Amino acid sequence: MGLTAATAGTIALFLTDPTLVGPLFKLAATLPMMLVPLVYVQYFKGGEGSALTSARTYAVLMILAVLLRLAVMIPVNVVFVPLLFGYDDIAFIIQCTLALNIIQGFWDTVVPFIVVHRTPIFEHFRMW
């Protein structure tokens, strides 16, 4: 479901982003947020998605996911922002990347947890 939503969001952003780069950056930043809990559930919990209903477990996984997101997005931004936009203040690029990805990572963590694990959605649909 997350991959479907991320793909739809990327396509929608292509319609509004004049640079055509932002949607790809957003997709690259979102994938670690899905990959970390997926790996945990698939390899350590036998595919049982209910393991993510624990707020503590989910929080730890999402902290790891945000760290992975930063590990991906800092190099992506440091390489591509100067190439594509000619802006070469690396310290500022890193600061902006950190701030924006931590803020967005927070919302990418909290909203899905509330929607999926604090409503009957997970009980009805499970991990599809």
Protein backbone atom coordinates (compact mmCIF):
# COMPACT_ATOMS: atom_id res chain seq x y z
CA MET A 1 0.00 0.00 0.00
CA GLY A 2 2.83 2.35 0.86
CA LEU A 3 4.50 1.80 -2.50
CA THR A 4 1.21 2.47 -4.28
CA ALA A 5 0.74 5.70 -2.34
CA ALA A 6 4.35 6.77 -2.92
CA THR A 7 4.07 6.10 -6.65
CA ALA A 8 0.78 7.99 -6.90
CA GLY A 9 2.28 10.88 -4.94
CA THR A 10 5.32 10.96 -7.20
CA ILE A 11 3.15 11.05 -10.31
CA ALA A 12 0.98 13.81 -8.80
CA LEU A 13 4.05 15.85 -7.89
CA PHE A 14 5.33 15.60 -11.46
CA LEU A 15 2.26 17.61 -12.49
CA THR A 16 3.14 20.49 -10.15
CA ASP A 17 6.96 20.52 -9.94
CA PRO A 18 8.55 22.58 -12.71
CA THR A 19 11.99 21.04 -12.08
CA LEU A 20 10.78 17.42 -12.37
CA VAL A 21 13.44 16.57 -9.77
CA GLY A 22 11.45 17.06 -6.57
CA PRO A 23 9.18 14.06 -7.11
CA LEU A 24 12.16 11.75 -7.58
CA PHE A 25 13.81 13.15 -4.45
CA LYS A 26 10.57 12.63 -2.52
CA LEU A 27 10.31 9.04 -3.74
CA ALA A 28 13.95 8.37 -2.80
CA ALA A 29 13.29 9.82 0.66
CA THR A 30 10.08 7.84 1.16
CA LEU A 31 11.39 4.41 0.20
CA PRO A 32 13.58 3.99 3.35
CA MET A 33 10.52 4.83 5.45
CA MET A 34 8.80 1.78 3.99
CA LEU A 35 11.84 -0.46 3.64
CA VAL A 36 12.91 -0.56 7.29
CA PRO A 37 9.55 -1.72 8.74
CA LEU A 38 9.07 -4.08 5.80
CA VAL A 39 12.43 -5.77 6.40
CA TYR A 40 11.66 -6.01 10.12
CA VAL A 41 8.26 -7.58 9.56
CA GLN A 42 9.35 -9.93 6.77
CA TYR A 43 12.63 -11.19 8.22
CA PHE A 44 12.17 -10.94 11.96
CA LYS A 45 8.43 -11.36 12.51
CA GLY A 46 7.53 -13.86 9.81
CA GLY A 47 5.42 -11.39 7.85
CA GLU A 48 3.17 -10.60 10.80
CA GLY A 49 2.40 -6.90 10.45
CA SER A 50 0.78 -6.72 13.87
CA ALA A 51 4.35 -6.46 15.21
CA LEU A 52 4.18 -2.80 14.15
CA THR A 53 1.20 -2.02 16.37
CA SER A 54 3.53 -1.57 19.35
CA ALA A 55 4.28 2.16 19.52
CA ARG A 56 7.74 1.48 20.98
CA THR A 57 8.74 -0.97 18.24
CA TYR A 58 7.34 1.33 15.56
CA ALA A 59 9.20 4.33 17.00
CA VAL A 60 12.54 2.48 17.03
CA LEU A 61 12.02 1.30 13.46
CA MET A 62 11.07 4.77 12.29
CA ILE A 63 14.11 6.33 13.94
CA LEU A 64 16.22 3.83 12.00
CA ALA A 65 14.22 4.63 8.87
CA VAL A 66 14.82 8.38 9.25
CA LEU A 67 18.54 7.72 9.74
CA LEU A 68 18.57 5.61 6.57
CA ARG A 69 16.57 8.35 4.81
CA LEU A 70 19.23 10.88 5.82
CA ALA A 71 22.03 8.53 4.72
CA VAL A 72 20.40 8.39 1.29
CA MET A 73 19.25 11.97 0.90
CA ILE A 74 22.33 13.85 2.09
CA PRO A 75 24.57 12.41 -0.67
CA VAL A 76 21.77 12.71 -3.25
CA ASN A 77 21.31 16.40 -2.44
CA VAL A 78 25.04 17.15 -2.16
CA VAL A 79 25.63 15.65 -5.61
CA PHE A 80 22.52 16.67 -7.54
CA VAL A 81 21.62 20.13 -6.19
CA PRO A 82 24.90 21.69 -7.42
CA LEU A 83 24.66 19.83 -10.73
CA LEU A 84 21.03 20.64 -11.44
CA PHE A 85 20.63 24.05 -9.84
CA GLY A 86 24.17 25.44 -9.67
CA TYR A 87 23.92 26.04 -5.93
CA ASP A 88 27.16 24.95 -4.29
CA ASP A 89 26.96 25.92 -0.60
CA ILE A 90 27.39 22.36 0.66
CA ALA A 91 26.92 23.25 4.34
CA PHE A 92 23.59 24.91 3.57
CA ILE A 93 22.50 22.00 1.38
CA ILE A 94 23.26 19.56 4.20
CA GLN A 95 21.46 21.73 6.78
CA CYS A 96 18.37 22.03 4.59
CA THR A 97 18.44 18.32 3.80
CA LEU A 98 18.65 17.44 7.50
CA ALA A 99 15.89 19.83 8.52
CA LEU A 100 13.46 18.98 5.73
CA ASN A 101 13.97 15.22 5.96
CA ILE A 102 13.67 15.10 9.75
CA ILE A 103 10.44 17.14 9.64
CA GLN A 104 8.99 15.12 6.77
CA GLY A 105 10.21 11.88 8.34
CA PHE A 106 8.29 12.78 11.49
CA TRP A 107 5.06 13.27 9.55
CA ASP A 108 5.74 10.18 7.41
CA THR A 109 5.96 8.28 10.70
CA VAL A 110 3.14 9.71 12.80
CA VAL A 111 0.33 9.94 10.24
CA PRO A 112 0.56 6.34 8.97
CA PHE A 113 0.83 4.98 12.52
CA ILE A 114 -2.28 6.84 13.63
CA VAL A 115 -4.26 6.00 10.52
CA VAL A 116 -3.28 2.33 10.29
CA HIS A 117 -2.66 1.19 13.85
CA ARG A 118 -5.00 3.40 15.86
CA THR A 119 -8.04 2.86 13.66
CA PRO A 120 -9.71 -0.41 12.56
CA ILE A 121 -7.96 -0.27 9.16
CA PHE A 122 -5.24 -2.78 10.08
CA GLU A 123 -7.75 -5.15 11.65
CA HIS A 124 -9.80 -5.18 8.46
CA PHE A 125 -7.11 -5.13 5.77
CA ARG A 126 -3.90 -6.41 7.45
CA MET A 127 -0.62 -5.98 5.55
CA TRP A 128 -1.66 -5.90 1.92
